[in-house]
């Protein structure tokens, strides 16, 4: 049994309660406890040295207790934590002792038109464990993919130009738990552009079929070790030309989960960042999105953690 809990961040909004339901199912599939966390935003006039503290009386957690009590026979072991502080900061702190952090795409604050709230962005950027952002239902995505896969699956963005992608490991482990297939999506830029003269572009004489074939071969090489470690997981490989974020969003239609890496840290920018592709997928994907640190913290535990260490 995974000892590290799945954390569900709640604030009483419909978005957070939707994330709570997703976290309950995730905890059950992992045979892990569920920790429900509510962070009360401290007032704007609080001094800079204000420290988050535990609180006993919390109506939001009372609401969650009542909600979970209705399905007590089918829920994991649950514990509750109420804190006061900046939500993004507190969630990053508590995520250090979690296997997964689940948040809604938006909370109670901000503008109604926002696609992703500040807490979701902060969690995806700063958490010490994988983060799942659960979107509102009804997001529309393009339907222009030829031969696009459908049905239960975990979609994962697969980059062929770098090794050690923990997002790929996470996707296979999640698909194994859910008993669904993995759809690995790798995208090559098309049409390619080269500089012809200052301020001008020219299209090189390159056959797209050749680029697609080479990209597929590299992707299959990346997938080889994962196929061996997860022999029971079926794999579809989608090789697309165009914009990586747009292709992943299009493939998110009817998927159970989309998995992306957070960002590759650069030598001169060692801080955590959310890359442009990941941010676009968080904003527009129709399925829940898991953001995984490409440097991996090993928080998943159990057999999956051992497998990750073998890569």
C-alpha atoms as a PDB file:
ATOM      1  CA  UNK A   1       0.000   0.000   0.000  1.00  0.00           C
ATOM      2  CA  UNK A   2       1.250   3.487  -0.862  1.00  0.00           C
ATOM      3  CA  UNK A   3       1.738   5.272   2.460  1.00  0.00           C
ATOM      4  CA  UNK A   4       1.965   8.782   1.036  1.00  0.00           C
ATOM      5  CA  UNK A   5      -1.520  10.289   0.698  1.00  0.00           C
ATOM      6  CA  UNK A   6      -3.326  11.769  -2.249  1.00  0.00           C
ATOM      7  CA  UNK A   7      -4.077  15.411  -1.401  1.00  0.00           C
ATOM      8  CA  UNK A   8      -7.275  17.100  -2.543  1.00  0.00           C
ATOM      9  CA  UNK A   9      -7.251  20.898  -2.274  1.00  0.00           C
ATOM     10  CA  UNK A  10     -10.752  22.250  -1.562  1.00  0.00           C
ATOM     11  CA  UNK A  11     -12.288  25.666  -1.031  1.00  0.00           C
ATOM     12  CA  UNK A  12     -16.012  24.871  -1.282  1.00  0.00           C
ATOM     13  CA  UNK A  13     -16.296  25.781  -4.970  1.00  0.00           C
ATOM     14  CA  UNK A  14     -17.789  23.390  -7.514  1.00  0.00           C
ATOM     15  CA  UNK A  15     -14.407  23.154  -9.204  1.00  0.00           C
ATOM     16  CA  UNK A  16     -12.706  22.008  -6.012  1.00  0.00           C
ATOM     17  CA  UNK A  17     -15.467  19.509  -5.212  1.00  0.00           C
ATOM     18  CA  UNK A  18     -15.049  18.075  -8.704  1.00  0.00           C
ATOM     19  CA  UNK A  19     -11.336  17.738  -7.970  1.00  0.00           C
ATOM     20  CA  UNK A  20     -12.209  16.096  -4.646  1.00  0.00           C
ATOM     21  CA  UNK A  21     -14.245  13.402  -6.410  1.00  0.00           C
ATOM     22  CA  UNK A  22     -11.337  12.776  -8.786  1.00  0.00           C
ATOM     23  CA  UNK A  23      -8.911  12.543  -5.854  1.00  0.00           C
ATOM     24  CA  UNK A  24     -11.128  10.001  -4.077  1.00  0.00           C
ATOM     25  CA  UNK A  25     -10.983   7.700  -7.100  1.00  0.00           C
ATOM     26  CA  UNK A  26      -7.211   8.244  -7.415  1.00  0.00           C
ATOM     27  CA  UNK A  27      -6.673   7.316  -3.767  1.00  0.00           C
ATOM     28  CA  UNK A  28      -8.743   4.164  -4.180  1.00  0.00           C
ATOM     29  CA  UNK A  29      -6.782   3.009  -7.242  1.00  0.00           C
ATOM     30  CA  UNK A  30      -3.515   3.653  -5.382  1.00  0.00           C
ATOM     31  CA  UNK A  31      -4.793   2.075  -2.136  1.00  0.00           C
ATOM     32  CA  UNK A  32      -3.605   5.271  -0.496  1.00  0.00           C
ATOM     33  CA  UNK A  33      -5.161   7.530   2.141  1.00  0.00           C
ATOM     34  CA  UNK A  34      -6.810  10.777   1.130  1.00  0.00           C
ATOM     35  CA  UNK A  35      -5.856  14.080   2.768  1.00  0.00           C
ATOM     36  CA  UNK A  36      -8.335  16.914   2.246  1.00  0.00           C
ATOM     37  CA  UNK A  37      -6.721  20.333   2.613  1.00  0.00           C
ATOM     38  CA  UNK A  38      -8.476  23.690   2.859  1.00  0.00           C
ATOM     39  CA  UNK A  39      -6.313  26.811   2.881  1.00  0.00           C
ATOM     40  CA  UNK A  40      -7.963  29.961   4.116  1.00  0.00           C
ATOM     41  CA  UNK A  41      -6.444  32.973   2.406  1.00  0.00           C
ATOM     42  CA  UNK A  42      -4.984  35.279   5.008  1.00  0.00           C
ATOM     43  CA  UNK A  43      -6.120  38.929   4.836  1.00  0.00           C
ATOM     44  CA  UNK A  44      -4.292  41.423   2.661  1.00  0.00           C
ATOM     45  CA  UNK A  45      -3.314  43.473   5.716  1.00  0.00           C
ATOM     46  CA  UNK A  46      -1.438  40.547   7.310  1.00  0.00           C
ATOM     47  CA  UNK A  47       2.254  41.301   7.962  1.00  0.00           C
ATOM     48  CA  UNK A  48       4.908  39.724   5.698  1.00  0.00           C
ATOM     49  CA  UNK A  49       6.068  37.431   8.500  1.00  0.00           C
ATOM     50  CA  UNK A  50       2.554  35.961   8.829  1.00  0.00           C
ATOM     51  CA  UNK A  51       2.866  32.184   9.241  1.00  0.00           C
ATOM     52  CA  UNK A  52       0.261  29.620   8.186  1.00  0.00           C
ATOM     53  CA  UNK A  53      -1.309  27.823  11.149  1.00  0.00           C
ATOM     54  CA  UNK A  54      -3.712  24.964  11.697  1.00  0.00           C
ATOM     55  CA  UNK A  55      -7.319  25.848  12.496  1.00  0.00           C
ATOM     56  CA  UNK A  56      -9.988  23.676  14.110  1.00  0.00           C
ATOM     57  CA  UNK A  57     -13.294  25.185  12.982  1.00  0.00           C
ATOM     58  CA  UNK A  58     -13.688  25.019   9.193  1.00  0.00           C
ATOM     59  CA  UNK A  59     -17.137  25.038   7.497  1.00  0.00           C
ATOM     60  CA  UNK A  60     -15.617  24.014   4.148  1.00  0.00           C
ATOM     61  CA  UNK A  61     -14.195  20.820   5.644  1.00  0.00           C
ATOM     62  CA  UNK A  62     -17.529  20.187   7.378  1.00  0.00           C
ATOM     63  CA  UNK A  63     -19.138  20.332   3.924  1.00  0.00           C
ATOM     64  CA  UNK A  64     -16.587  17.848   2.580  1.00  0.00           C
ATOM     65  CA  UNK A  65     -17.131  15.478   5.520  1.00  0.00           C
ATOM     66  CA  UNK A  66     -20.848  15.430   4.787  1.00  0.00           C
ATOM     67  CA  UNK A  67     -20.218  14.855   1.083  1.00  0.00           C
ATOM     68  CA  UNK A  68     -17.851  11.944   1.685  1.00  0.00           C
ATOM     69  CA  UNK A  69     -20.056  10.411   4.372  1.00  0.00           C
ATOM     70  CA  UNK A  70     -22.713   9.706   1.723  1.00  0.00           C
ATOM     71  CA  UNK A  71     -20.342   7.268   0.015  1.00  0.00           C
ATOM     72  CA  UNK A  72     -18.538   5.981   3.103  1.00  0.00           C
ATOM     73  CA  UNK A  73     -18.554   2.365   1.894  1.00  0.00           C
ATOM     74  CA  UNK A  74     -16.573   3.294  -1.207  1.00  0.00           C
ATOM     75  CA  UNK A  75     -14.037   5.820  -0.010  1.00  0.00           C
ATOM     76  CA  UNK A  76     -10.463   5.628   1.235  1.00  0.00           C
ATOM     77  CA  UNK A  77      -9.172   6.506   4.675  1.00  0.00           C
ATOM     78  CA  UNK A  78      -9.578  10.278   4.985  1.00  0.00           C
ATOM     79  CA  UNK A  79      -7.875  12.923   7.071  1.00  0.00           C
ATOM     80  CA  UNK A  80      -8.584  16.658   7.085  1.00  0.00           C
ATOM     81  CA  UNK A  81      -6.256  19.630   7.348  1.00  0.00           C
ATOM     82  CA  UNK A  82      -7.257  23.285   7.622  1.00  0.00           C
ATOM     83  CA  UNK A  83      -4.600  25.962   7.259  1.00  0.00           C
ATOM     84  CA  UNK A  84      -4.434  29.747   7.047  1.00  0.00           C
ATOM     85  CA  UNK A  85      -2.009  31.299   4.586  1.00  0.00           C
ATOM     86  CA  UNK A  86      -1.330  31.793   0.881  1.00  0.00           C
ATOM     87  CA  UNK A  87      -2.918  28.788  -0.892  1.00  0.00           C
ATOM     88  CA  UNK A  88      -0.126  28.302  -3.425  1.00  0.00           C
ATOM     89  CA  UNK A  89       2.565  28.417  -0.750  1.00  0.00           C
ATOM     90  CA  UNK A  90       0.764  26.118   1.687  1.00  0.00           C
ATOM     91  CA  UNK A  91      -0.117  23.546  -0.980  1.00  0.00           C
ATOM     92  CA  UNK A  92       3.501  23.443  -2.136  1.00  0.00           C
ATOM     93  CA  UNK A  93       4.547  22.850   1.468  1.00  0.00           C
ATOM     94  CA  UNK A  94       2.107  20.000   2.165  1.00  0.00           C
ATOM     95  CA  UNK A  95       2.812  18.379  -1.226  1.00  0.00           C
ATOM     96  CA  UNK A  96       6.264  17.380   0.054  1.00  0.00           C
ATOM     97  CA  UNK A  97       4.505  14.537   1.906  1.00  0.00           C
ATOM     98  CA  UNK A  98       2.117  13.411  -0.840  1.00  0.00           C
ATOM     99  CA  UNK A  99       2.078  11.057  -3.801  1.00  0.00           C
ATOM    100  CA  UNK A 100      -0.306  13.302  -5.746  1.00  0.00           C
ATOM    101  CA  UNK A 101      -1.897  16.749  -5.394  1.00  0.00           C
ATOM    102  CA  UNK A 102      -5.294  17.305  -7.029  1.00  0.00           C
ATOM    103  CA  UNK A 103      -6.756  20.786  -7.566  1.00  0.00           C
ATOM    104  CA  UNK A 104      -9.634  22.291  -9.515  1.00  0.00           C
ATOM    105  CA  UNK A 105      -9.002  24.530 -12.481  1.00  0.00           C
ATOM    106  CA  UNK A 106     -10.455  27.504 -10.614  1.00  0.00           C
ATOM    107  CA  UNK A 107     -11.502  28.443  -7.113  1.00  0.00           C
ATOM    108  CA  UNK A 108     -13.848  31.005  -5.622  1.00  0.00           C
ATOM    109  CA  UNK A 109     -11.715  34.064  -6.303  1.00  0.00           C
ATOM    110  CA  UNK A 110     -10.692  35.885  -9.454  1.00  0.00           C
ATOM    111  CA  UNK A 111     -12.663  36.499 -12.622  1.00  0.00           C
ATOM    112  CA  UNK A 112     -15.334  34.075 -13.810  1.00  0.00           C
ATOM    113  CA  UNK A 113     -13.841  34.014 -17.300  1.00  0.00           C
ATOM    114  CA  UNK A 114     -10.460  32.712 -16.180  1.00  0.00           C
ATOM    115  CA  UNK A 115      -9.637  29.241 -17.528  1.00  0.00           C
ATOM    116  CA  UNK A 116      -7.110  28.484 -14.804  1.00  0.00           C
ATOM    117  CA  UNK A 117      -6.829  30.116 -11.396  1.00  0.00           C
ATOM    118  CA  UNK A 118      -3.675  31.325  -9.669  1.00  0.00           C
ATOM    119  CA  UNK A 119      -3.700  28.435  -7.188  1.00  0.00           C
ATOM    120  CA  UNK A 120      -3.722  25.880 -10.002  1.00  0.00           C
ATOM    121  CA  UNK A 121      -0.817  27.614 -11.726  1.00  0.00           C
ATOM    122  CA  UNK A 122       1.172  27.842  -8.481  1.00  0.00           C
ATOM    123  CA  UNK A 123       0.534  24.188  -7.653  1.00  0.00           C
ATOM    124  CA  UNK A 124       1.593  23.016 -11.102  1.00  0.00           C
ATOM    125  CA  UNK A 125       4.767  25.101 -10.843  1.00  0.00           C
ATOM    126  CA  UNK A 126       5.864  24.575  -7.232  1.00  0.00           C
ATOM    127  CA  UNK A 127       4.524  21.259  -5.917  1.00  0.00           C
ATOM    128  CA  UNK A 128       6.992  18.581  -4.863  1.00  0.00           C
ATOM    129  CA  UNK A 129       4.816  15.781  -6.253  1.00  0.00           C
ATOM    130  CA  UNK A 130       2.821  15.314  -9.469  1.00  0.00           C
ATOM    131  CA  UNK A 131      -0.166  17.670  -9.724  1.00  0.00           C
ATOM    132  CA  UNK A 132      -3.500  16.920 -11.403  1.00  0.00           C
ATOM    133  CA  UNK A 133      -5.643  19.877 -12.466  1.00  0.00           C
ATOM    134  CA  UNK A 134      -9.277  18.899 -13.068  1.00  0.00           C
ATOM    135  CA  UNK A 135     -11.005  21.154 -15.634  1.00  0.00           C
ATOM    136  CA  UNK A 136     -14.605  22.220 -15.810  1.00  0.00           C
ATOM    137  CA  UNK A 137     -16.729  19.939 -17.994  1.00  0.00           C
ATOM    138  CA  UNK A 138     -17.690  20.904 -21.513  1.00  0.00           C
ATOM    139  CA  UNK A 139     -14.385  22.196 -22.857  1.00  0.00           C
ATOM    140  CA  UNK A 140     -14.405  22.001 -26.641  1.00  0.00           C
ATOM    141  CA  UNK A 141     -11.304  20.818 -28.504  1.00  0.00           C
ATOM    142  CA  UNK A 142     -10.517  20.537 -32.231  1.00  0.00           C
ATOM    143  CA  UNK A 143     -11.812  17.480 -34.058  1.00  0.00           C
ATOM    144  CA  UNK A 144      -9.525  17.634 -37.078  1.00  0.00           C
ATOM    145  CA  UNK A 145      -7.229  14.713 -36.230  1.00  0.00           C
ATOM    146  CA  UNK A 146      -7.150  12.001 -38.870  1.00  0.00           C
ATOM    147  CA  UNK A 147      -7.388   8.585 -37.255  1.00  0.00           C
ATOM    148  CA  UNK A 148      -7.468  10.037 -33.738  1.00  0.00           C
ATOM    149  CA  UNK A 149      -7.805   7.530 -30.909  1.00  0.00           C
ATOM    150  CA  UNK A 150     -10.869   7.464 -28.735  1.00  0.00           C
ATOM    151  CA  UNK A 151     -12.054   5.678 -25.621  1.00  0.00           C
ATOM    152  CA  UNK A 152     -10.405   5.135 -22.226  1.00  0.00           C
ATOM    153  CA  UNK A 153      -6.717   6.017 -22.328  1.00  0.00           C
ATOM    154  CA  UNK A 154      -3.961   8.070 -20.739  1.00  0.00           C
ATOM    155  CA  UNK A 155      -2.447  10.586 -23.166  1.00  0.00           C
ATOM    156  CA  UNK A 156       1.173  11.567 -22.633  1.00  0.00           C
ATOM    157  CA  UNK A 157       3.371  14.071 -24.431  1.00  0.00           C
ATOM    158  CA  UNK A 158       6.506  12.292 -25.648  1.00  0.00           C
ATOM    159  CA  UNK A 159       9.582  14.331 -26.543  1.00  0.00           C
ATOM    160  CA  UNK A 160      12.073  12.390 -28.644  1.00  0.00           C
ATOM    161  CA  UNK A 161      15.013  14.744 -28.074  1.00  0.00           C
ATOM    162  CA  UNK A 162      15.572  14.168 -24.362  1.00  0.00           C
ATOM    163  CA  UNK A 163      15.865  11.199 -21.967  1.00  0.00           C
ATOM    164  CA  UNK A 164      14.685  10.529 -18.442  1.00  0.00           C
ATOM    165  CA  UNK A 165      11.149  11.815 -18.823  1.00  0.00           C
ATOM    166  CA  UNK A 166       9.327  11.001 -15.573  1.00  0.00           C
ATOM    167  CA  UNK A 167       6.053  12.058 -17.174  1.00  0.00           C
ATOM    168  CA  UNK A 168       6.277   8.994 -19.405  1.00  0.00           C
ATOM    169  CA  UNK A 169       6.831   6.715 -16.395  1.00  0.00           C
ATOM    170  CA  UNK A 170       3.920   8.346 -14.571  1.00  0.00           C
ATOM    171  CA  UNK A 171       1.615   7.855 -17.570  1.00  0.00           C
ATOM    172  CA  UNK A 172       2.377   4.132 -17.857  1.00  0.00           C
ATOM    173  CA  UNK A 173       1.917   3.596 -14.120  1.00  0.00           C
ATOM    174  CA  UNK A 174      -1.406   5.447 -14.201  1.00  0.00           C
ATOM    175  CA  UNK A 175      -2.602   3.465 -17.229  1.00  0.00           C
ATOM    176  CA  UNK A 176      -1.689   0.213 -15.470  1.00  0.00           C
ATOM    177  CA  UNK A 177      -3.690   1.223 -12.407  1.00  0.00           C
ATOM    178  CA  UNK A 178      -6.697   2.192 -14.503  1.00  0.00           C
ATOM    179  CA  UNK A 179      -6.349  -0.777 -16.866  1.00  0.00           C
ATOM    180  CA  UNK A 180      -6.435   1.431 -19.936  1.00  0.00           C
ATOM    181  CA  UNK A 181      -3.980   2.014 -22.748  1.00  0.00           C
ATOM    182  CA  UNK A 182      -1.373   4.731 -23.184  1.00  0.00           C
ATOM    183  CA  UNK A 183      -1.532   7.080 -26.135  1.00  0.00           C
ATOM    184  CA  UNK A 184       1.902   8.626 -26.594  1.00  0.00           C
ATOM    185  CA  UNK A 185       1.798  11.812 -28.661  1.00  0.00           C
ATOM    186  CA  UNK A 186       4.988  13.079 -30.246  1.00  0.00           C
ATOM    187  CA  UNK A 187       4.966  16.160 -32.448  1.00  0.00           C
ATOM    188  CA  UNK A 188       7.476  17.442 -34.973  1.00  0.00           C
ATOM    189  CA  UNK A 189       7.318  21.102 -36.113  1.00  0.00           C
ATOM    190  CA  UNK A 190       5.641  21.429 -39.497  1.00  0.00           C
ATOM    191  CA  UNK A 191       6.043  23.252 -41.730  1.00  0.00           C
ATOM    192  CA  UNK A 192       9.652  23.957 -40.687  1.00  0.00           C
ATOM    193  CA  UNK A 193      10.957  27.484 -41.170  1.00  0.00           C
ATOM    194  CA  UNK A 194      14.478  28.713 -41.850  1.00  0.00           C
ATOM    195  CA  UNK A 195      15.871  32.203 -42.197  1.00  0.00           C
ATOM    196  CA  UNK A 196      16.311  33.275 -45.807  1.00  0.00           C
ATOM    197  CA  UNK A 197      17.086  36.937 -45.182  1.00  0.00           C
ATOM    198  CA  UNK A 198      16.499  39.384 -42.368  1.00  0.00           C
ATOM    199  CA  UNK A 199      12.752  39.534 -41.796  1.00  0.00           C
ATOM    200  CA  UNK A 200      11.952  36.745 -44.267  1.00  0.00           C
ATOM    201  CA  UNK A 201      11.300  33.002 -44.047  1.00  0.00           C
ATOM    202  CA  UNK A 202      11.757  30.300 -46.648  1.00  0.00           C
ATOM    203  CA  UNK A 203      10.484  26.748 -46.666  1.00  0.00           C
ATOM    204  CA  UNK A 204      13.274  24.181 -47.023  1.00  0.00           C
ATOM    205  CA  UNK A 205      12.959  21.348 -49.506  1.00  0.00           C
ATOM    206  CA  UNK A 206      12.201  18.591 -46.961  1.00  0.00           C
ATOM    207  CA  UNK A 207       9.731  15.725 -47.309  1.00  0.00           C
ATOM    208  CA  UNK A 208       7.352  15.537 -44.374  1.00  0.00           C
ATOM    209  CA  UNK A 209       7.097  11.751 -44.708  1.00  0.00           C
ATOM    210  CA  UNK A 210      10.813  11.430 -43.953  1.00  0.00           C
ATOM    211  CA  UNK A 211      10.576  13.621 -40.850  1.00  0.00           C
ATOM    212  CA  UNK A 212       7.527  11.702 -39.630  1.00  0.00           C
ATOM    213  CA  UNK A 213       9.272   8.348 -40.125  1.00  0.00           C
ATOM    214  CA  UNK A 214      12.404   9.471 -38.266  1.00  0.00           C
ATOM    215  CA  UNK A 215      10.327  10.929 -35.442  1.00  0.00           C
ATOM    216  CA  UNK A 216       8.359   7.687 -35.133  1.00  0.00           C
ATOM    217  CA  UNK A 217      11.554   5.631 -34.973  1.00  0.00           C
ATOM    218  CA  UNK A 218      12.970   7.821 -32.193  1.00  0.00           C
ATOM    219  CA  UNK A 219       9.676   7.679 -30.289  1.00  0.00           C
ATOM    220  CA  UNK A 220       9.523   3.883 -30.527  1.00  0.00           C
ATOM    221  CA  UNK A 221      13.066   3.752 -29.131  1.00  0.00           C
ATOM    222  CA  UNK A 222      11.968   5.879 -26.156  1.00  0.00           C
ATOM    223  CA  UNK A 223       8.929   3.667 -25.585  1.00  0.00           C
ATOM    224  CA  UNK A 224      10.855   0.393 -25.679  1.00  0.00           C
ATOM    225  CA  UNK A 225      11.935   0.270 -21.998  1.00  0.00           C
ATOM    226  CA  UNK A 226       8.448   1.291 -20.833  1.00  0.00           C
ATOM    227  CA  UNK A 227       6.813  -1.476 -22.879  1.00  0.00           C
ATOM    228  CA  UNK A 228       9.113  -3.967 -21.159  1.00  0.00           C
ATOM    229  CA  UNK A 229       8.356  -2.696 -17.648  1.00  0.00           C
ATOM    230  CA  UNK A 230       4.619  -2.479 -18.269  1.00  0.00           C
ATOM    231  CA  UNK A 231       3.851  -5.486 -20.505  1.00  0.00           C
ATOM    232  CA  UNK A 232       0.148  -5.347 -19.692  1.00  0.00           C
ATOM    233  CA  UNK A 233      -0.286  -1.783 -20.947  1.00  0.00           C
ATOM    234  CA  UNK A 234      -1.253  -1.388 -24.599  1.00  0.00           C
ATOM    235  CA  UNK A 235       0.389   1.557 -26.374  1.00  0.00           C
ATOM    236  CA  UNK A 236      -0.770   3.728 -29.265  1.00  0.00           C
ATOM    237  CA  UNK A 237       1.772   6.082 -30.806  1.00  0.00           C
ATOM    238  CA  UNK A 238       0.495   9.220 -32.500  1.00  0.00           C
ATOM    239  CA  UNK A 239       3.061  11.093 -34.594  1.00  0.00           C
ATOM    240  CA  UNK A 240       1.752  14.500 -35.605  1.00  0.00           C
ATOM    241  CA  UNK A 241       3.165  17.506 -37.398  1.00  0.00           C
ATOM    242  CA  UNK A 242       2.382  20.985 -36.145  1.00  0.00           C
ATOM    243  CA  UNK A 243       2.064  22.646 -32.760  1.00  0.00           C
ATOM    244  CA  UNK A 244       2.742  20.393 -29.745  1.00  0.00           C
ATOM    245  CA  UNK A 245       0.246  22.085 -27.414  1.00  0.00           C
ATOM    246  CA  UNK A 246      -2.497  22.087 -30.034  1.00  0.00           C
ATOM    247  CA  UNK A 247      -1.992  18.403 -30.817  1.00  0.00           C
ATOM    248  CA  UNK A 248      -2.066  17.386 -27.159  1.00  0.00           C
ATOM    249  CA  UNK A 249      -5.213  19.419 -26.567  1.00  0.00           C
ATOM    250  CA  UNK A 250      -6.879  17.797 -29.576  1.00  0.00           C
ATOM    251  CA  UNK A 251      -5.938  14.323 -28.342  1.00  0.00           C
ATOM    252  CA  UNK A 252      -7.365  15.108 -24.885  1.00  0.00           C
ATOM    253  CA  UNK A 253     -10.910  14.615 -26.154  1.00  0.00           C
ATOM    254  CA  UNK A 254     -12.502  11.703 -24.216  1.00  0.00           C
ATOM    255  CA  UNK A 255      -9.196  10.843 -22.529  1.00  0.00           C
ATOM    256  CA  UNK A 256      -9.099   9.927 -18.847  1.00  0.00           C
ATOM    257  CA  UNK A 257      -5.904  11.896 -18.227  1.00  0.00           C
ATOM    258  CA  UNK A 258      -3.302  13.940 -20.100  1.00  0.00           C
ATOM    259  CA  UNK A 259       0.259  13.791 -18.727  1.00  0.00           C
ATOM    260  CA  UNK A 260       2.869  16.473 -19.425  1.00  0.00           C
ATOM    261  CA  UNK A 261       6.236  17.430 -17.971  1.00  0.00           C
ATOM    262  CA  UNK A 262       6.524  20.632 -15.980  1.00  0.00           C
ATOM    263  CA  UNK A 263       9.596  22.176 -17.594  1.00  0.00           C
ATOM    264  CA  UNK A 264      13.216  21.332 -18.176  1.00  0.00           C
ATOM    265  CA  UNK A 265      15.311  23.532 -15.884  1.00  0.00           C
ATOM    266  CA  UNK A 266      17.944  25.592 -17.636  1.00  0.00           C
ATOM    267  CA  UNK A 267      21.448  26.301 -16.377  1.00  0.00           C
ATOM    268  CA  UNK A 268      20.840  30.035 -16.030  1.00  0.00           C
ATOM    269  CA  UNK A 269      17.222  29.622 -14.845  1.00  0.00           C
ATOM    270  CA  UNK A 270      17.337  26.983 -12.088  1.00  0.00           C
ATOM    271  CA  UNK A 271      13.959  27.864 -10.594  1.00  0.00           C
ATOM    272  CA  UNK A 272      10.775  25.867 -11.182  1.00  0.00           C
ATOM    273  CA  UNK A 273       8.787  26.932 -14.231  1.00  0.00           C
ATOM    274  CA  UNK A 274       5.719  25.845 -16.175  1.00  0.00           C
ATOM    275  CA  UNK A 275       6.616  25.617 -19.855  1.00  0.00           C
ATOM    276  CA  UNK A 276       4.518  27.197 -22.588  1.00  0.00           C
ATOM    277  CA  UNK A 277       3.239  23.850 -23.915  1.00  0.00           C
ATOM    278  CA  UNK A 278       2.275  22.663 -20.433  1.00  0.00           C
ATOM    279  CA  UNK A 279       0.515  25.927 -19.650  1.00  0.00           C
ATOM    280  CA  UNK A 280      -1.453  25.794 -22.904  1.00  0.00           C
ATOM    281  CA  UNK A 281      -2.526  22.212 -22.196  1.00  0.00           C
ATOM    282  CA  UNK A 282      -3.619  23.198 -18.680  1.00  0.00           C
ATOM    283  CA  UNK A 283      -5.703  26.025 -20.109  1.00  0.00           C
ATOM    284  CA  UNK A 284      -7.427  24.145 -22.916  1.00  0.00           C
ATOM    285  CA  UNK A 285      -7.378  20.343 -22.476  1.00  0.00           C
ATOM    286  CA  UNK A 286     -10.755  18.645 -22.136  1.00  0.00           C
ATOM    287  CA  UNK A 287      -9.411  16.023 -19.698  1.00  0.00           C
ATOM    288  CA  UNK A 288      -7.696  16.306 -16.313  1.00  0.00           C
ATOM    289  CA  UNK A 289      -4.017  17.196 -16.748  1.00  0.00           C
ATOM    290  CA  UNK A 290      -1.176  15.713 -14.682  1.00  0.00           C
ATOM    291  CA  UNK A 291       1.944  17.877 -14.476  1.00  0.00           C
ATOM    292  CA  UNK A 292       5.068  15.891 -13.562  1.00  0.00           C
ATOM    293  CA  UNK A 293       8.442  17.328 -12.594  1.00  0.00           C
ATOM    294  CA  UNK A 294      10.914  16.030 -15.214  1.00  0.00           C
ATOM    295  CA  UNK A 295      13.498  15.675 -12.446  1.00  0.00           C
ATOM    296  CA  UNK A 296      11.167  13.438 -10.406  1.00  0.00           C
ATOM    297  CA  UNK A 297      10.980  13.451  -6.635  1.00  0.00           C
ATOM    298  CA  UNK A 298      10.206   9.747  -6.277  1.00  0.00           C
ATOM    299  CA  UNK A 299       7.059  10.542  -4.301  1.00  0.00           C
ATOM    300  CA  UNK A 300       4.909   7.893  -5.915  1.00  0.00           C
ATOM    301  CA  UNK A 301       6.428   5.084  -3.868  1.00  0.00           C
ATOM    302  CA  UNK A 302       5.959   1.362  -4.139  1.00  0.00           C
ATOM    303  CA  UNK A 303       6.608  -0.626  -7.289  1.00  0.00           C
ATOM    304  CA  UNK A 304       6.247   2.441  -9.486  1.00  0.00           C
ATOM    305  CA  UNK A 305       9.025   4.240  -7.627  1.00  0.00           C
ATOM    306  CA  UNK A 306      11.272   1.186  -8.026  1.00  0.00           C
ATOM    307  CA  UNK A 307      10.525   1.014 -11.738  1.00  0.00           C
ATOM    308  CA  UNK A 308      11.340   4.694 -12.157  1.00  0.00           C
ATOM    309  CA  UNK A 309      14.700   4.126 -10.531  1.00  0.00           C
ATOM    310  CA  UNK A 310      15.559   1.440 -13.057  1.00  0.00           C
ATOM    311  CA  UNK A 311      15.321   3.739 -16.078  1.00  0.00           C
END
